[in-house]
Amino acid sequence: MMEANMGDVINLKRFKKRNEQEQSARQADANRARFGRTKAERALDGRRKDRAGDLLDQHRLDQHKLDDGDAS
């Protein structure tokens, strides 16, 4: 931060604005670390979710077989 001597004039608005911007930047960095994911990571998660759904559908028993009592 700036150091001021007794005769120096300080613009408090500029000082407050700079301080708020620094705090905002720190908060943004923290949010990016907590919530930020790359497009590739989101796409990979989407493909994994689709694959898991497909595997689940492949193992699903047909409802008409259960109603007829054919399933053992």
N, C-alpha and C. Protein backbone atom coordinates (compact mmCIF):
# COMPACT_ATOMS: atom_id res chain seq x y z
N MET A 1 0.83 -1.17 0.00
CA MET A 1 0.00 0.00 0.00
C MET A 1 0.88 1.24 0.00
N MET A 2 0.25 2.36 -0.23
CA MET A 2 0.99 3.62 -0.29
C MET A 2 1.24 4.13 1.12
N GLU A 3 2.41 4.70 1.27
CA GLU A 3 2.71 5.36 2.53
C GLU A 3 2.63 6.86 2.31
N ALA A 4 2.02 7.54 3.23
CA ALA A 4 1.85 8.98 3.08
C ALA A 4 2.55 9.70 4.23
N ASN A 5 3.21 10.77 3.88
CA ASN A 5 3.81 11.63 4.89
C ASN A 5 2.76 12.64 5.33
N MET A 6 3.11 13.44 6.27
CA MET A 6 2.16 14.36 6.86
C MET A 6 1.56 15.32 5.83
N GLY A 7 2.34 15.75 4.84
CA GLY A 7 1.87 16.75 3.89
C GLY A 7 1.27 16.16 2.63
N ASP A 8 1.29 14.85 2.46
CA ASP A 8 0.80 14.25 1.23
C ASP A 8 -0.73 14.18 1.23
N VAL A 9 -1.30 14.44 0.07
CA VAL A 9 -2.75 14.38 -0.08
C VAL A 9 -3.10 13.02 -0.68
N ILE A 10 -4.08 12.36 -0.09
CA ILE A 10 -4.48 11.02 -0.53
C ILE A 10 -5.93 11.09 -1.01
N ASN A 11 -6.16 10.53 -2.17
CA ASN A 11 -7.52 10.46 -2.68
C ASN A 11 -8.15 9.18 -2.09
N LEU A 12 -9.04 9.35 -1.13
CA LEU A 12 -9.61 8.20 -0.43
C LEU A 12 -10.50 7.36 -1.33
N LYS A 13 -11.18 7.99 -2.26
CA LYS A 13 -12.01 7.22 -3.20
C LYS A 13 -11.16 6.25 -4.00
N ARG A 14 -10.03 6.74 -4.47
CA ARG A 14 -9.13 5.89 -5.27
C ARG A 14 -8.58 4.76 -4.40
N PHE A 15 -8.23 5.08 -3.15
CA PHE A 15 -7.70 4.08 -2.23
C PHE A 15 -8.75 3.01 -1.95
N LYS A 16 -10.00 3.43 -1.66
CA LYS A 16 -11.08 2.47 -1.41
C LYS A 16 -11.36 1.62 -2.64
N LYS A 17 -11.38 2.25 -3.79
CA LYS A 17 -11.67 1.52 -5.03
C LYS A 17 -10.60 0.46 -5.30
N ARG A 18 -9.34 0.82 -5.11
CA ARG A 18 -8.25 -0.14 -5.32
C ARG A 18 -8.36 -1.30 -4.33
N ASN A 19 -8.68 -0.99 -3.09
CA ASN A 19 -8.83 -2.01 -2.06
C ASN A 19 -9.97 -2.97 -2.41
N GLU A 20 -11.11 -2.42 -2.85
CA GLU A 20 -12.26 -3.26 -3.23
C GLU A 20 -11.92 -4.14 -4.43
N GLN A 21 -11.19 -3.60 -5.39
CA GLN A 21 -10.80 -4.38 -6.56
C GLN A 21 -9.88 -5.53 -6.17
N GLU A 22 -8.96 -5.29 -5.25
CA GLU A 22 -8.06 -6.35 -4.79
C GLU A 22 -8.83 -7.44 -4.06
N GLN A 23 -9.78 -7.04 -3.21
CA GLN A 23 -10.59 -8.02 -2.51
C GLN A 23 -11.45 -8.82 -3.49
N SER A 24 -12.00 -8.15 -4.48
CA SER A 24 -12.81 -8.82 -5.49
C SER A 24 -11.97 -9.82 -6.28
N ALA A 25 -10.75 -9.45 -6.60
CA ALA A 25 -9.87 -10.35 -7.33
C ALA A 25 -9.53 -11.58 -6.49
N ARG A 26 -9.29 -11.38 -5.19
CA ARG A 26 -9.01 -12.52 -4.32
C ARG A 26 -10.21 -13.45 -4.22
N GLN A 27 -11.41 -12.87 -4.12
CA GLN A 27 -12.63 -13.68 -4.06
C GLN A 27 -12.84 -14.44 -5.36
N ALA A 28 -12.57 -13.80 -6.48
CA ALA A 28 -12.72 -14.45 -7.78
C ALA A 28 -11.75 -15.62 -7.91
N ASP A 29 -10.52 -15.44 -7.45
CA ASP A 29 -9.55 -16.53 -7.48
C ASP A 29 -10.02 -17.71 -6.64
N ALA A 30 -10.55 -17.42 -5.46
CA ALA A 30 -11.05 -18.48 -4.59
C ALA A 30 -12.23 -19.19 -5.23
N ASN A 31 -13.13 -18.46 -5.86
CA ASN A 31 -14.29 -19.07 -6.52
C ASN A 31 -13.85 -19.93 -7.71
N ARG A 32 -12.87 -19.46 -8.46
CA ARG A 32 -12.38 -20.26 -9.59
C ARG A 32 -11.77 -21.57 -9.10
N ALA A 33 -11.08 -21.50 -7.98
CA ALA A 33 -10.47 -22.71 -7.43
C ALA A 33 -11.55 -23.68 -6.92
N ARG A 34 -12.63 -23.16 -6.35
CA ARG A 34 -13.67 -24.02 -5.79
C ARG A 34 -14.62 -24.57 -6.85
N PHE A 35 -15.04 -23.72 -7.79
CA PHE A 35 -16.11 -24.10 -8.69
C PHE A 35 -15.68 -24.23 -10.15
N GLY A 36 -14.55 -23.73 -10.50
CA GLY A 36 -14.15 -23.67 -11.90
C GLY A 36 -13.77 -25.03 -12.46
N ARG A 37 -14.30 -25.33 -13.63
CA ARG A 37 -13.91 -26.53 -14.35
C ARG A 37 -13.73 -26.16 -15.80
N THR A 38 -12.83 -26.82 -16.46
CA THR A 38 -12.59 -26.53 -17.86
C THR A 38 -13.69 -27.16 -18.71
N LYS A 39 -13.77 -26.73 -19.93
CA LYS A 39 -14.77 -27.27 -20.86
C LYS A 39 -14.52 -28.76 -21.08
N ALA A 40 -13.26 -29.15 -21.14
CA ALA A 40 -12.92 -30.55 -21.33
C ALA A 40 -13.38 -31.40 -20.14
N GLU A 41 -13.24 -30.89 -18.94
CA GLU A 41 -13.70 -31.62 -17.76
C GLU A 41 -15.21 -31.79 -17.77
N ARG A 42 -15.93 -30.73 -18.14
CA ARG A 42 -17.39 -30.84 -18.22
C ARG A 42 -17.81 -31.84 -19.29
N ALA A 43 -17.13 -31.82 -20.44
CA ALA A 43 -17.45 -32.75 -21.52
C ALA A 43 -17.17 -34.19 -21.09
N LEU A 44 -16.07 -34.42 -20.40
CA LEU A 44 -15.74 -35.76 -19.93
C LEU A 44 -16.79 -36.26 -18.95
N ASP A 45 -17.22 -35.41 -18.04
CA ASP A 45 -18.27 -35.81 -17.10
C ASP A 45 -19.57 -36.13 -17.84
N GLY A 46 -19.88 -35.37 -18.86
CA GLY A 46 -21.08 -35.64 -19.66
C GLY A 46 -21.01 -36.98 -20.35
N ARG A 47 -19.85 -37.28 -20.93
CA ARG A 47 -19.69 -38.59 -21.60
C ARG A 47 -19.77 -39.73 -20.59
N ARG A 48 -19.19 -39.56 -19.42
CA ARG A 48 -19.26 -40.60 -18.38
C ARG A 48 -20.70 -40.82 -17.93
N LYS A 49 -21.45 -39.73 -17.79
CA LYS A 49 -22.85 -39.83 -17.38
C LYS A 49 -23.67 -40.55 -18.45
N ASP A 50 -23.45 -40.20 -19.71
CA ASP A 50 -24.16 -40.87 -20.80
C ASP A 50 -23.82 -42.36 -20.84
N ARG A 51 -22.57 -42.69 -20.66
CA ARG A 51 -22.14 -44.09 -20.69
C ARG A 51 -22.76 -44.87 -19.54
N ALA A 52 -22.80 -44.28 -18.36
CA ALA A 52 -23.40 -44.95 -17.20
C ALA A 52 -24.89 -45.17 -17.44
N GLY A 53 -25.56 -44.20 -18.03
CA GLY A 53 -26.98 -44.37 -18.36
C GLY A 53 -27.20 -45.47 -19.38
N ASP A 54 -26.32 -45.54 -20.37
CA ASP A 54 -26.44 -46.60 -21.38
C ASP A 54 -26.24 -47.98 -20.75
N LEU A 55 -25.26 -48.11 -19.87
CA LEU A 55 -25.02 -49.39 -19.21
C LEU A 55 -26.21 -49.79 -18.34
N LEU A 56 -26.80 -48.83 -17.68
CA LEU A 56 -27.96 -49.10 -16.86
C LEU A 56 -29.13 -49.55 -17.72
N ASP A 57 -29.34 -48.91 -18.85
CA ASP A 57 -30.42 -49.29 -19.76
C ASP A 57 -30.21 -50.70 -20.32
N GLN A 58 -28.97 -51.08 -20.56
CA GLN A 58 -28.68 -52.40 -21.09
C GLN A 58 -29.02 -53.50 -20.10
N HIS A 59 -28.96 -53.20 -18.83
CA HIS A 59 -29.22 -54.20 -17.80
C HIS A 59 -30.65 -54.15 -17.26
N ARG A 60 -31.46 -53.31 -17.85
CA ARG A 60 -32.83 -53.16 -17.39
C ARG A 60 -33.67 -54.36 -17.83
N LEU A 61 -34.51 -54.82 -16.95
CA LEU A 61 -35.42 -55.91 -17.29
C LEU A 61 -36.65 -55.32 -17.98
N ASP A 62 -37.15 -56.02 -18.98
CA ASP A 62 -38.34 -55.56 -19.68
C ASP A 62 -39.56 -55.75 -18.80
N GLN A 63 -40.43 -54.78 -18.80
CA GLN A 63 -41.60 -54.81 -17.93
C GLN A 63 -42.58 -55.91 -18.35
N HIS A 64 -42.73 -56.17 -19.64
CA HIS A 64 -43.70 -57.19 -20.07
C HIS A 64 -43.25 -58.60 -19.66
N LYS A 65 -41.96 -58.82 -19.56
CA LYS A 65 -41.47 -60.12 -19.11
C LYS A 65 -41.81 -60.32 -17.63
N LEU A 66 -41.71 -59.25 -16.85
CA LEU A 66 -42.03 -59.35 -15.43
C LEU A 66 -43.51 -59.60 -15.22
N ASP A 67 -44.36 -58.99 -16.03
CA ASP A 67 -45.81 -59.16 -15.90
C ASP A 67 -46.24 -60.59 -16.25
N ASP A 68 -45.60 -61.20 -17.23
CA ASP A 68 -45.96 -62.56 -17.66
C ASP A 68 -45.39 -63.62 -16.73
N GLY A 69 -44.43 -63.27 -15.92
CA GLY A 69 -43.84 -64.24 -15.04
C GLY A 69 -42.75 -65.06 -15.71
N ASP A 70 -42.30 -64.63 -16.89
CA ASP A 70 -41.27 -65.35 -17.63
C ASP A 70 -39.88 -65.16 -17.02
N ALA A 71 -39.68 -64.08 -16.33
CA ALA A 71 -38.35 -63.81 -15.77
C ALA A 71 -38.10 -64.74 -14.58
N SER A 72 -36.94 -65.33 -14.55
CA SER A 72 -36.62 -66.26 -13.48
C SER A 72 -35.68 -65.63 -12.50
